[in-house]
Amino acid sequence: MKQIIYFIIFISLPCAIFSSKIAGSKGWDKLNWFFIGLFFNVIGLFSAATIYDKKQRKYLSLIAEALGAKGKDIEKQIKLDSHYDTKSLGNFTLSKSATKLEIIEKIIEIMGSDFAPNIDKNKVVLRKEPFSDYRKLILRNLKGSLILIAHAKDIGKNKYRWDLENPPSIPLPDRLLIFRSRLTQFRRSSDY
């Protein structure tokens, strides 16, 4: 019986008090979080520490409204801005029926004529997401290294908007493709 009392005094009660203070400072109901901390102990304390801050969200929405944004427009703008990085090199619009060569010609038009000799047109990959209209075009140089990625989004009835970006790093499937192409080149060079 003493162990239960010690447990309540030294573990459950401090967890309840700290959960209540932490959640209360974030704009949540202190009494509810006191009982959560009391019954769930460390899990309640951890939950109180990781919940979002209601007060901070309210202040940020007030600041955004003061700057001219309205309600849901703020959330849409945040989503759009988080998708487009500063890595974007440009964009263009083409029809959905455009071929790989038409897309590459448009990319060369944007990137400049000096970019054209670097592209290996045999290693151009056009990926399609299975259940969406999202497309991704991957360009490689003559050595097999990744040089540019173009992302397409459906913007109309018959058009895609292509955004160009430098590849941040080479993903694993692309590394395997490069490895396989280099292995094939090695095998061809060893055959006489």
N, C-alpha and C. Protein backbone atom coordinates (compact mmCIF):
# COMPACT_ATOMS: atom_id res chain seq x y z
N MET A 1 0.81 -1.19 0.00
CA MET A 1 0.00 0.00 0.00
C MET A 1 0.86 1.26 0.00
N LYS A 2 2.00 1.19 0.72
CA LYS A 2 2.90 2.34 0.76
C LYS A 2 3.46 2.63 -0.63
N GLN A 3 3.72 1.58 -1.39
CA GLN A 3 4.31 1.77 -2.73
C GLN A 3 3.35 2.51 -3.65
N ILE A 4 2.07 2.24 -3.53
CA ILE A 4 1.08 2.92 -4.36
C ILE A 4 1.02 4.40 -3.98
N ILE A 5 1.06 4.68 -2.70
CA ILE A 5 1.03 6.07 -2.23
C ILE A 5 2.27 6.82 -2.69
N TYR A 6 3.44 6.17 -2.57
CA TYR A 6 4.69 6.79 -3.04
C TYR A 6 4.64 7.03 -4.55
N PHE A 7 4.10 6.09 -5.27
CA PHE A 7 3.99 6.22 -6.72
C PHE A 7 3.11 7.42 -7.08
N ILE A 8 1.99 7.56 -6.37
CA ILE A 8 1.08 8.68 -6.64
C ILE A 8 1.74 10.00 -6.28
N ILE A 9 2.41 10.04 -5.14
CA ILE A 9 3.01 11.30 -4.67
C ILE A 9 4.22 11.70 -5.51
N PHE A 10 5.10 10.76 -5.81
CA PHE A 10 6.36 11.11 -6.46
C PHE A 10 6.36 11.01 -7.99
N ILE A 11 5.40 10.30 -8.58
CA ILE A 11 5.39 10.18 -10.04
C ILE A 11 4.10 10.75 -10.64
N SER A 12 2.96 10.26 -10.22
CA SER A 12 1.69 10.66 -10.84
C SER A 12 1.37 12.13 -10.60
N LEU A 13 1.51 12.60 -9.37
CA LEU A 13 1.17 13.98 -9.06
C LEU A 13 2.09 14.98 -9.78
N PRO A 14 3.43 14.81 -9.78
CA PRO A 14 4.26 15.73 -10.55
C PRO A 14 3.97 15.70 -12.06
N CYS A 15 3.71 14.50 -12.59
CA CYS A 15 3.37 14.41 -14.01
C CYS A 15 2.08 15.17 -14.30
N ALA A 16 1.10 15.06 -13.39
CA ALA A 16 -0.17 15.75 -13.58
C ALA A 16 0.03 17.27 -13.52
N ILE A 17 0.83 17.73 -12.56
CA ILE A 17 1.06 19.18 -12.42
C ILE A 17 1.80 19.74 -13.63
N PHE A 18 2.86 19.06 -14.06
CA PHE A 18 3.63 19.54 -15.20
C PHE A 18 2.84 19.45 -16.50
N SER A 19 2.04 18.40 -16.66
CA SER A 19 1.19 18.29 -17.85
C SER A 19 0.20 19.44 -17.90
N SER A 20 -0.39 19.76 -16.75
CA SER A 20 -1.34 20.85 -16.67
C SER A 20 -0.69 22.19 -17.01
N LYS A 21 0.50 22.43 -16.48
CA LYS A 21 1.19 23.71 -16.74
C LYS A 21 1.61 23.82 -18.21
N ILE A 22 2.16 22.75 -18.75
CA ILE A 22 2.63 22.79 -20.14
C ILE A 22 1.47 23.00 -21.09
N ALA A 23 0.41 22.18 -20.95
CA ALA A 23 -0.74 22.29 -21.84
C ALA A 23 -1.46 23.63 -21.64
N GLY A 24 -1.53 24.11 -20.40
CA GLY A 24 -2.16 25.41 -20.13
C GLY A 24 -1.42 26.55 -20.79
N SER A 25 -0.09 26.47 -20.82
CA SER A 25 0.68 27.53 -21.46
C SER A 25 0.51 27.52 -22.98
N LYS A 26 0.02 26.41 -23.52
CA LYS A 26 -0.21 26.31 -24.97
C LYS A 26 -1.66 26.59 -25.34
N GLY A 27 -2.49 26.95 -24.34
CA GLY A 27 -3.87 27.32 -24.62
C GLY A 27 -4.87 26.20 -24.43
N TRP A 28 -4.48 25.09 -23.89
CA TRP A 28 -5.38 23.95 -23.67
C TRP A 28 -5.96 24.03 -22.26
N ASP A 29 -7.01 23.24 -21.99
CA ASP A 29 -7.67 23.24 -20.69
C ASP A 29 -6.75 22.57 -19.65
N LYS A 30 -6.43 23.30 -18.58
CA LYS A 30 -5.49 22.80 -17.56
C LYS A 30 -6.06 21.62 -16.78
N LEU A 31 -7.34 21.66 -16.46
CA LEU A 31 -7.94 20.59 -15.66
C LEU A 31 -7.95 19.26 -16.40
N ASN A 32 -8.30 19.30 -17.67
CA ASN A 32 -8.28 18.06 -18.47
C ASN A 32 -6.87 17.46 -18.51
N TRP A 33 -5.89 18.32 -18.74
CA TRP A 33 -4.51 17.82 -18.84
C TRP A 33 -3.95 17.40 -17.48
N PHE A 34 -4.49 17.96 -16.39
CA PHE A 34 -4.09 17.49 -15.07
C PHE A 34 -4.48 16.03 -14.89
N PHE A 35 -5.74 15.71 -15.26
CA PHE A 35 -6.19 14.32 -15.13
C PHE A 35 -5.49 13.38 -16.12
N ILE A 36 -5.19 13.87 -17.30
CA ILE A 36 -4.44 13.05 -18.26
C ILE A 36 -3.06 12.72 -17.69
N GLY A 37 -2.40 13.73 -17.12
CA GLY A 37 -1.09 13.50 -16.50
C GLY A 37 -1.16 12.61 -15.28
N LEU A 38 -2.25 12.72 -14.52
CA LEU A 38 -2.43 11.92 -13.31
C LEU A 38 -2.63 10.44 -13.66
N PHE A 39 -3.45 10.16 -14.65
CA PHE A 39 -3.76 8.76 -14.97
C PHE A 39 -2.74 8.11 -15.92
N PHE A 40 -2.16 8.91 -16.81
CA PHE A 40 -1.24 8.33 -17.80
C PHE A 40 0.23 8.64 -17.51
N ASN A 41 0.50 9.39 -16.47
CA ASN A 41 1.85 9.69 -15.98
C ASN A 41 2.77 10.24 -17.07
N VAL A 42 3.83 9.54 -17.37
CA VAL A 42 4.86 10.03 -18.29
C VAL A 42 4.29 10.17 -19.71
N ILE A 43 3.39 9.28 -20.10
CA ILE A 43 2.78 9.39 -21.43
C ILE A 43 1.97 10.67 -21.53
N GLY A 44 1.24 11.02 -20.49
CA GLY A 44 0.48 12.27 -20.47
C GLY A 44 1.39 13.49 -20.52
N LEU A 45 2.51 13.42 -19.79
CA LEU A 45 3.48 14.51 -19.80
C LEU A 45 4.09 14.68 -21.19
N PHE A 46 4.45 13.57 -21.80
CA PHE A 46 5.02 13.61 -23.15
C PHE A 46 4.00 14.16 -24.15
N SER A 47 2.75 13.75 -24.02
CA SER A 47 1.69 14.24 -24.92
C SER A 47 1.49 15.74 -24.75
N ALA A 48 1.52 16.22 -23.52
CA ALA A 48 1.37 17.65 -23.28
C ALA A 48 2.52 18.44 -23.89
N ALA A 49 3.69 17.86 -23.87
CA ALA A 49 4.85 18.55 -24.44
C ALA A 49 4.82 18.58 -25.96
N THR A 50 4.15 17.61 -26.58
CA THR A 50 4.19 17.52 -28.04
C THR A 50 2.94 18.06 -28.74
N ILE A 51 1.90 18.43 -28.03
CA ILE A 51 0.72 18.98 -28.71
C ILE A 51 1.04 20.36 -29.28
N TYR A 52 0.28 20.75 -30.28
CA TYR A 52 0.53 22.04 -30.90
C TYR A 52 0.08 23.18 -29.99
N ASP A 53 0.62 24.35 -30.26
CA ASP A 53 0.36 25.53 -29.45
C ASP A 53 -0.81 26.32 -30.04
N LYS A 54 -1.96 26.32 -29.36
CA LYS A 54 -3.14 27.03 -29.83
C LYS A 54 -2.91 28.54 -29.85
N LYS A 55 -2.23 29.03 -28.85
CA LYS A 55 -1.99 30.48 -28.76
C LYS A 55 -1.12 30.95 -29.92
N GLN A 56 -0.09 30.18 -30.23
CA GLN A 56 0.81 30.57 -31.31
C GLN A 56 0.08 30.58 -32.65
N ARG A 57 -0.78 29.58 -32.90
CA ARG A 57 -1.55 29.56 -34.14
C ARG A 57 -2.47 30.77 -34.24
N LYS A 58 -3.06 31.14 -33.12
CA LYS A 58 -3.96 32.31 -33.12
C LYS A 58 -3.18 33.58 -33.45
N TYR A 59 -2.00 33.76 -32.82
CA TYR A 59 -1.19 34.94 -33.09
C TYR A 59 -0.73 34.99 -34.55
N LEU A 60 -0.33 33.85 -35.09
CA LEU A 60 0.13 33.81 -36.48
C LEU A 60 -1.01 34.13 -37.44
N SER A 61 -2.22 33.64 -37.15
CA SER A 61 -3.35 33.96 -38.03
C SER A 61 -3.71 35.43 -37.94
N LEU A 62 -3.60 36.04 -36.74
CA LEU A 62 -3.87 37.47 -36.61
C LEU A 62 -2.84 38.30 -37.38
N ILE A 63 -1.59 37.90 -37.32
CA ILE A 63 -0.54 38.60 -38.07
C ILE A 63 -0.79 38.48 -39.57
N ALA A 64 -1.14 37.28 -40.01
CA ALA A 64 -1.39 37.07 -41.44
C ALA A 64 -2.60 37.87 -41.91
N GLU A 65 -3.65 37.93 -41.10
CA GLU A 65 -4.82 38.73 -41.46
C GLU A 65 -4.48 40.21 -41.50
N ALA A 66 -3.62 40.66 -40.60
CA ALA A 66 -3.21 42.06 -40.60
C ALA A 66 -2.40 42.39 -41.86
N LEU A 67 -1.72 41.39 -42.40
CA LEU A 67 -0.94 41.60 -43.63
C LEU A 67 -1.78 41.45 -44.89
N GLY A 68 -3.05 41.07 -44.72
CA GLY A 68 -3.95 41.04 -45.87
C GLY A 68 -4.44 39.67 -46.27
N ALA A 69 -4.01 38.61 -45.64
CA ALA A 69 -4.49 37.27 -45.99
C ALA A 69 -5.78 36.98 -45.26
N LYS A 70 -6.58 36.07 -45.83
CA LYS A 70 -7.86 35.73 -45.22
C LYS A 70 -7.94 34.23 -44.98
N GLY A 71 -8.43 33.85 -43.81
CA GLY A 71 -8.74 32.49 -43.38
C GLY A 71 -8.06 31.35 -44.11
N LYS A 72 -8.81 30.67 -44.98
CA LYS A 72 -8.30 29.48 -45.66
C LYS A 72 -7.26 29.83 -46.72
N ASP A 73 -7.26 31.09 -47.19
CA ASP A 73 -6.24 31.51 -48.16
C ASP A 73 -4.85 31.39 -47.55
N ILE A 74 -4.76 31.61 -46.23
CA ILE A 74 -3.47 31.51 -45.55
C ILE A 74 -2.94 30.08 -45.65
N GLU A 75 -3.81 29.10 -45.36
CA GLU A 75 -3.38 27.70 -45.40
C GLU A 75 -3.00 27.29 -46.81
N LYS A 76 -3.77 27.73 -47.82
CA LYS A 76 -3.45 27.40 -49.20
C LYS A 76 -2.10 28.00 -49.59
N GLN A 77 -1.86 29.24 -49.20
CA GLN A 77 -0.60 29.90 -49.55
C GLN A 77 0.58 29.22 -48.87
N ILE A 78 0.40 28.78 -47.62
CA ILE A 78 1.47 28.08 -46.92
C ILE A 78 1.80 26.78 -47.63
N LYS A 79 0.77 26.04 -48.07
CA LYS A 79 1.00 24.78 -48.78
C LYS A 79 1.71 25.02 -50.10
N LEU A 80 1.29 26.06 -50.84
CA LEU A 80 1.93 26.35 -52.12
C LEU A 80 3.39 26.76 -51.93
N ASP A 81 3.63 27.62 -50.95
CA ASP A 81 4.99 28.09 -50.73
C ASP A 81 5.91 26.98 -50.26
N SER A 82 5.39 26.02 -49.49
CA SER A 82 6.24 24.94 -49.01
C SER A 82 6.59 23.98 -50.14
N HIS A 83 5.74 23.90 -51.18
CA HIS A 83 6.03 22.98 -52.29
C HIS A 83 7.10 23.55 -53.21
N TYR A 84 7.02 24.84 -53.51
CA TYR A 84 7.97 25.43 -54.44
C TYR A 84 9.18 25.95 -53.68
N ASP A 85 10.28 25.31 -53.88
CA ASP A 85 11.52 25.71 -53.23
C ASP A 85 12.20 26.81 -54.04
N THR A 86 13.31 27.30 -53.50
CA THR A 86 14.12 28.25 -54.23
C THR A 86 14.95 27.54 -55.30
N LYS A 87 14.87 26.22 -55.36
CA LYS A 87 15.63 25.45 -56.33
C LYS A 87 15.01 25.50 -57.72
N SER A 88 13.83 26.07 -57.86
CA SER A 88 13.14 26.07 -59.14
C SER A 88 13.93 26.87 -60.16
N LEU A 89 14.15 26.27 -61.33
CA LEU A 89 14.92 26.90 -62.39
C LEU A 89 14.02 27.57 -63.42
N GLY A 90 12.76 27.23 -63.42
CA GLY A 90 11.83 27.79 -64.38
C GLY A 90 10.65 26.85 -64.57
N ASN A 91 9.70 27.28 -65.39
CA ASN A 91 8.55 26.41 -65.67
C ASN A 91 8.00 26.72 -67.05
N PHE A 92 7.21 25.80 -67.56
CA PHE A 92 6.57 25.97 -68.85
C PHE A 92 5.31 25.12 -68.89
N THR A 93 4.48 25.37 -69.89
CA THR A 93 3.23 24.65 -70.04
C THR A 93 3.20 23.92 -71.38
N LEU A 94 2.82 22.66 -71.34
CA LEU A 94 2.69 21.86 -72.56
C LEU A 94 1.42 21.03 -72.49
N SER A 95 0.98 20.55 -73.63
CA SER A 95 -0.20 19.69 -73.65
C SER A 95 0.15 18.32 -73.07
N LYS A 96 -0.87 17.60 -72.66
CA LYS A 96 -0.67 16.28 -72.07
C LYS A 96 -0.16 15.27 -73.09
N SER A 97 -0.40 15.51 -74.34
CA SER A 97 0.02 14.57 -75.37
C SER A 97 1.44 14.83 -75.86
N ALA A 98 2.16 15.75 -75.23
CA ALA A 98 3.53 16.06 -75.66
C ALA A 98 4.45 14.86 -75.46
N THR A 99 5.37 14.65 -76.40
CA THR A 99 6.32 13.54 -76.32
C THR A 99 7.52 13.94 -75.48
N LYS A 100 8.38 12.96 -75.18
CA LYS A 100 9.60 13.24 -74.42
C LYS A 100 10.47 14.26 -75.15
N LEU A 101 10.59 14.11 -76.47
CA LEU A 101 11.44 15.03 -77.24
C LEU A 101 10.90 16.46 -77.21
N GLU A 102 9.59 16.64 -77.25
CA GLU A 102 9.01 17.98 -77.17
C GLU A 102 9.28 18.60 -75.80
N ILE A 103 9.20 17.79 -74.77
CA ILE A 103 9.48 18.27 -73.42
C ILE A 103 10.95 18.67 -73.30
N ILE A 104 11.83 17.82 -73.83
CA ILE A 104 13.27 18.11 -73.78
C ILE A 104 13.59 19.38 -74.56
N GLU A 105 12.97 19.58 -75.72
CA GLU A 105 13.19 20.80 -76.50
C GLU A 105 12.79 22.04 -75.72
N LYS A 106 11.68 21.95 -75.01
CA LYS A 106 11.22 23.09 -74.20
C LYS A 106 12.19 23.35 -73.05
N ILE A 107 12.71 22.28 -72.44
CA ILE A 107 13.68 22.43 -71.36
C ILE A 107 14.95 23.10 -71.88
N ILE A 108 15.41 22.67 -73.06
CA ILE A 108 16.60 23.27 -73.66
C ILE A 108 16.36 24.74 -73.99
N GLU A 109 15.16 25.06 -74.42
CA GLU A 109 14.80 26.45 -74.70
C GLU A 109 14.91 27.31 -73.45
N ILE A 110 14.49 26.76 -72.30
CA ILE A 110 14.57 27.51 -71.03
C ILE A 110 16.00 27.55 -70.49
N MET A 111 16.68 26.40 -70.53
CA MET A 111 18.01 26.31 -69.92
C MET A 111 19.11 26.89 -70.80
N GLY A 112 18.88 26.99 -72.10
CA GLY A 112 19.88 27.55 -73.00
C GLY A 112 20.49 26.47 -73.88
N SER A 113 21.07 26.90 -74.97
CA SER A 113 21.62 25.95 -75.94
C SER A 113 22.87 25.24 -75.42
N ASP A 114 23.55 25.82 -74.44
CA ASP A 114 24.74 25.16 -73.86
C ASP A 114 24.35 23.92 -73.06
N PHE A 115 23.09 23.84 -72.66
CA PHE A 115 22.61 22.71 -71.86
C PHE A 115 22.38 21.47 -72.72
N ALA A 116 22.08 21.67 -74.01
CA ALA A 116 21.71 20.58 -74.91
C ALA A 116 22.76 19.48 -75.06
N PRO A 117 24.05 19.79 -75.24
CA PRO A 117 25.03 18.71 -75.42
C PRO A 117 25.20 17.82 -74.19
N ASN A 118 24.79 18.29 -73.03
CA ASN A 118 24.95 17.52 -71.80
C ASN A 118 23.91 16.43 -71.64
N ILE A 119 22.80 16.50 -72.36
CA ILE A 119 21.69 15.57 -72.17
C ILE A 119 21.93 14.29 -72.97
N ASP A 120 21.77 13.16 -72.29
CA ASP A 120 21.78 11.87 -72.97
C ASP A 120 20.32 11.51 -73.25
N LYS A 121 19.88 11.68 -74.48
CA LYS A 121 18.47 11.50 -74.82
C LYS A 121 18.04 10.04 -74.74
N ASN A 122 19.00 9.10 -74.68
CA ASN A 122 18.67 7.69 -74.53
C ASN A 122 18.34 7.32 -73.09
N LYS A 123 18.76 8.16 -72.14
CA LYS A 123 18.56 7.86 -70.72
C LYS A 123 17.51 8.75 -70.08
N VAL A 124 16.65 9.33 -70.87
CA VAL A 124 15.57 10.17 -70.33
C VAL A 124 14.49 9.24 -69.77
N VAL A 125 14.08 9.52 -68.54
CA VAL A 125 13.07 8.69 -67.88
C VAL A 125 11.85 9.56 -67.61
N LEU A 126 10.68 9.08 -68.02
CA LEU A 126 9.42 9.76 -67.74
C LEU A 126 8.60 8.85 -66.83
N ARG A 127 8.44 9.27 -65.58
CA ARG A 127 7.71 8.47 -64.60
C ARG A 127 6.31 8.99 -64.43
N LYS A 128 5.38 8.07 -64.20
CA LYS A 128 3.99 8.43 -63.96
C LYS A 128 3.56 7.82 -62.63
N GLU A 129 2.90 8.64 -61.81
CA GLU A 129 2.33 8.12 -60.57
C GLU A 129 1.09 7.29 -60.92
N PRO A 130 0.90 6.14 -60.27
CA PRO A 130 -0.17 5.24 -60.69
C PRO A 130 -1.59 5.79 -60.60
N PHE A 131 -1.94 6.53 -59.55
CA PHE A 131 -3.32 6.95 -59.38
C PHE A 131 -3.49 8.47 -59.43
N SER A 132 -2.57 9.16 -60.08
CA SER A 132 -2.69 10.61 -60.19
C SER A 132 -2.16 11.05 -61.55
N ASP A 133 -2.34 12.33 -61.82
CA ASP A 133 -1.85 12.88 -63.08
C ASP A 133 -0.44 13.42 -62.97
N TYR A 134 0.23 13.17 -61.86
CA TYR A 134 1.58 13.68 -61.63
C TYR A 134 2.58 12.98 -62.54
N ARG A 135 3.48 13.73 -63.16
CA ARG A 135 4.52 13.19 -64.01
C ARG A 135 5.86 13.73 -63.55
N LYS A 136 6.91 12.98 -63.84
CA LYS A 136 8.26 13.38 -63.46
C LYS A 136 9.20 12.97 -64.59
N LEU A 137 9.97 13.93 -65.10
CA LEU A 137 10.94 13.67 -66.16
C LEU A 137 12.33 13.82 -65.57
N ILE A 138 13.17 12.82 -65.77
CA ILE A 138 14.52 12.82 -65.22
C ILE A 138 15.51 12.86 -66.37
N LEU A 139 16.40 13.85 -66.33
CA LEU A 139 17.43 13.99 -67.36
C LEU A 139 18.78 13.64 -66.78
N ARG A 140 19.58 12.94 -67.58
CA ARG A 140 20.93 12.56 -67.17
C ARG A 140 21.93 13.08 -68.20
N ASN A 141 23.17 13.23 -67.75
CA ASN A 141 24.20 13.61 -68.70
C ASN A 141 24.81 12.37 -69.34
N LEU A 142 25.81 12.55 -70.17
CA LEU A 142 26.40 11.43 -70.91
C LEU A 142 27.10 10.43 -69.99
N LYS A 143 27.48 10.86 -68.79
CA LYS A 143 28.13 9.96 -67.83
C LYS A 143 27.10 9.18 -67.00
N GLY A 144 25.84 9.54 -67.11
CA GLY A 144 24.79 8.85 -66.36
C GLY A 144 24.38 9.56 -65.09
N SER A 145 24.98 10.72 -64.82
CA SER A 145 24.63 11.46 -63.60
C SER A 145 23.36 12.26 -63.80
N LEU A 146 22.63 12.43 -62.73
CA LEU A 146 21.39 13.19 -62.74
C LEU A 146 21.70 14.67 -62.89
N ILE A 147 21.06 15.34 -63.86
CA ILE A 147 21.35 16.78 -64.03
C ILE A 147 20.12 17.67 -63.85
N LEU A 148 18.93 17.12 -64.08
CA LEU A 148 17.73 17.95 -63.98
C LEU A 148 16.51 17.07 -63.77
N ILE A 149 15.55 17.60 -63.00
CA ILE A 149 14.27 16.92 -62.79
C ILE A 149 13.17 17.92 -63.14
N ALA A 150 12.18 17.45 -63.90
CA ALA A 150 11.03 18.28 -64.25
C ALA A 150 9.78 17.61 -63.68
N HIS A 151 9.01 18.37 -62.91
CA HIS A 151 7.77 17.87 -62.30
C HIS A 151 6.58 18.46 -63.06
N ALA A 152 5.61 17.63 -63.39
CA ALA A 152 4.43 18.11 -64.11
C ALA A 152 3.19 17.99 -63.23
N LYS A 153 2.39 19.04 -63.26
CA LYS A 153 1.11 19.02 -62.55
C LYS A 153 0.00 19.36 -63.53
N ASP A 154 -1.11 18.71 -63.35
CA ASP A 154 -2.28 18.93 -64.19
C ASP A 154 -2.88 20.29 -63.85
N ILE A 155 -2.91 21.21 -64.84
CA ILE A 155 -3.46 22.55 -64.57
C ILE A 155 -4.72 22.83 -65.36
N GLY A 156 -5.06 21.96 -66.24
CA GLY A 156 -6.25 22.21 -67.03
C GLY A 156 -6.74 20.94 -67.68
N LYS A 157 -7.66 21.12 -68.60
CA LYS A 157 -8.27 19.99 -69.25
C LYS A 157 -7.27 19.18 -70.06
N ASN A 158 -6.34 19.87 -70.69
CA ASN A 158 -5.42 19.17 -71.58
C ASN A 158 -3.99 19.66 -71.44
N LYS A 159 -3.61 20.21 -70.26
CA LYS A 159 -2.28 20.80 -70.11
C LYS A 159 -1.61 20.38 -68.82
N TYR A 160 -0.28 20.35 -68.89
CA TYR A 160 0.57 20.17 -67.71
C TYR A 160 1.43 21.40 -67.54
N ARG A 161 1.70 21.72 -66.29
CA ARG A 161 2.69 22.76 -65.98
C ARG A 161 3.93 22.04 -65.49
N TRP A 162 5.04 22.22 -66.17
CA TRP A 162 6.30 21.57 -65.84
C TRP A 162 7.19 22.54 -65.07
N ASP A 163 7.65 22.13 -63.89
CA ASP A 163 8.57 22.92 -63.07
C ASP A 163 9.93 22.24 -63.08
N LEU A 164 10.97 23.01 -63.38
CA LEU A 164 12.33 22.47 -63.46
C LEU A 164 13.08 22.72 -62.16
N GLU A 165 13.84 21.73 -61.74
CA GLU A 165 14.65 21.91 -60.54
C GLU A 165 15.93 21.09 -60.63
N ASN A 166 16.94 21.57 -59.93
CA ASN A 166 18.16 20.79 -59.79
C ASN A 166 17.89 19.64 -58.85
N PRO A 167 18.42 18.47 -59.11
CA PRO A 167 18.18 17.36 -58.19
C PRO A 167 18.89 17.61 -56.87
N PRO A 168 18.18 17.47 -55.72
CA PRO A 168 18.81 17.68 -54.42
C PRO A 168 19.83 16.61 -54.11
N SER A 169 19.49 15.39 -54.41
CA SER A 169 20.40 14.26 -54.26
C SER A 169 19.86 13.14 -55.12
N ILE A 170 20.66 12.14 -55.32
CA ILE A 170 20.24 11.05 -56.18
C ILE A 170 19.50 10.03 -55.34
N PRO A 171 18.20 9.80 -55.60
CA PRO A 171 17.46 8.79 -54.85
C PRO A 171 17.92 7.37 -55.20
N LEU A 172 17.59 6.45 -54.33
CA LEU A 172 18.06 5.07 -54.47
C LEU A 172 17.70 4.43 -55.80
N PRO A 173 16.45 4.52 -56.30
CA PRO A 173 16.18 3.88 -57.59
C PRO A 173 17.04 4.44 -58.71
N ASP A 174 17.32 5.76 -58.65
CA ASP A 174 18.18 6.35 -59.68
C ASP A 174 19.62 5.89 -59.52
N ARG A 175 20.06 5.70 -58.29
CA ARG A 175 21.41 5.17 -58.08
C ARG A 175 21.53 3.78 -58.67
N LEU A 176 20.48 2.97 -58.51
CA LEU A 176 20.50 1.63 -59.08
C LEU A 176 20.52 1.68 -60.60
N LEU A 177 19.77 2.63 -61.19
CA LEU A 177 19.80 2.79 -62.64
C LEU A 177 21.18 3.18 -63.14
N ILE A 178 21.82 4.12 -62.41
CA ILE A 178 23.17 4.54 -62.80
C ILE A 178 24.13 3.37 -62.67
N PHE A 179 24.02 2.62 -61.57
CA PHE A 179 24.90 1.47 -61.36
C PHE A 179 24.71 0.44 -62.49
N ARG A 180 23.45 0.17 -62.84
CA ARG A 180 23.17 -0.81 -63.88
C ARG A 180 23.72 -0.34 -65.23
N SER A 181 23.55 0.97 -65.55
CA SER A 181 24.05 1.46 -66.83
C SER A 181 25.57 1.43 -66.87
N ARG A 182 26.21 1.75 -65.75
CA ARG A 182 27.68 1.70 -65.72
C ARG A 182 28.18 0.27 -65.79
N LEU A 183 27.46 -0.66 -65.18
CA LEU A 183 27.83 -2.07 -65.25
C LEU A 183 27.71 -2.58 -66.68
N THR A 184 26.66 -2.15 -67.37
CA THR A 184 26.48 -2.54 -68.77
C THR A 184 27.60 -1.97 -69.63
N GLN A 185 27.97 -0.71 -69.39
CA GLN A 185 29.08 -0.11 -70.13
C GLN A 185 30.38 -0.84 -69.87
N PHE A 186 30.58 -1.26 -68.61
CA PHE A 186 31.80 -1.99 -68.26
C PHE A 186 31.84 -3.33 -68.98
N ARG A 187 30.72 -4.02 -69.03
CA ARG A 187 30.66 -5.31 -69.71
C ARG A 187 30.93 -5.15 -71.20
N ARG A 188 30.38 -4.09 -71.81
CA ARG A 188 30.59 -3.87 -73.24
C ARG A 188 32.05 -3.54 -73.53
N SER A 189 32.69 -2.81 -72.62
CA SER A 189 34.10 -2.43 -72.86
C SER A 189 35.03 -3.64 -72.69
N SER A 190 34.61 -4.61 -71.87
CA SER A 190 35.47 -5.78 -71.67
C SER A 190 35.26 -6.81 -72.79
N ASP A 191 34.12 -6.71 -73.53
CA ASP A 191 33.91 -7.62 -74.67
C ASP A 191 34.69 -7.08 -75.87
N TYR A 192 35.48 -7.93 -76.48
CA TYR A 192 36.27 -7.48 -77.63
C TYR A 192 35.68 -7.97 -78.90
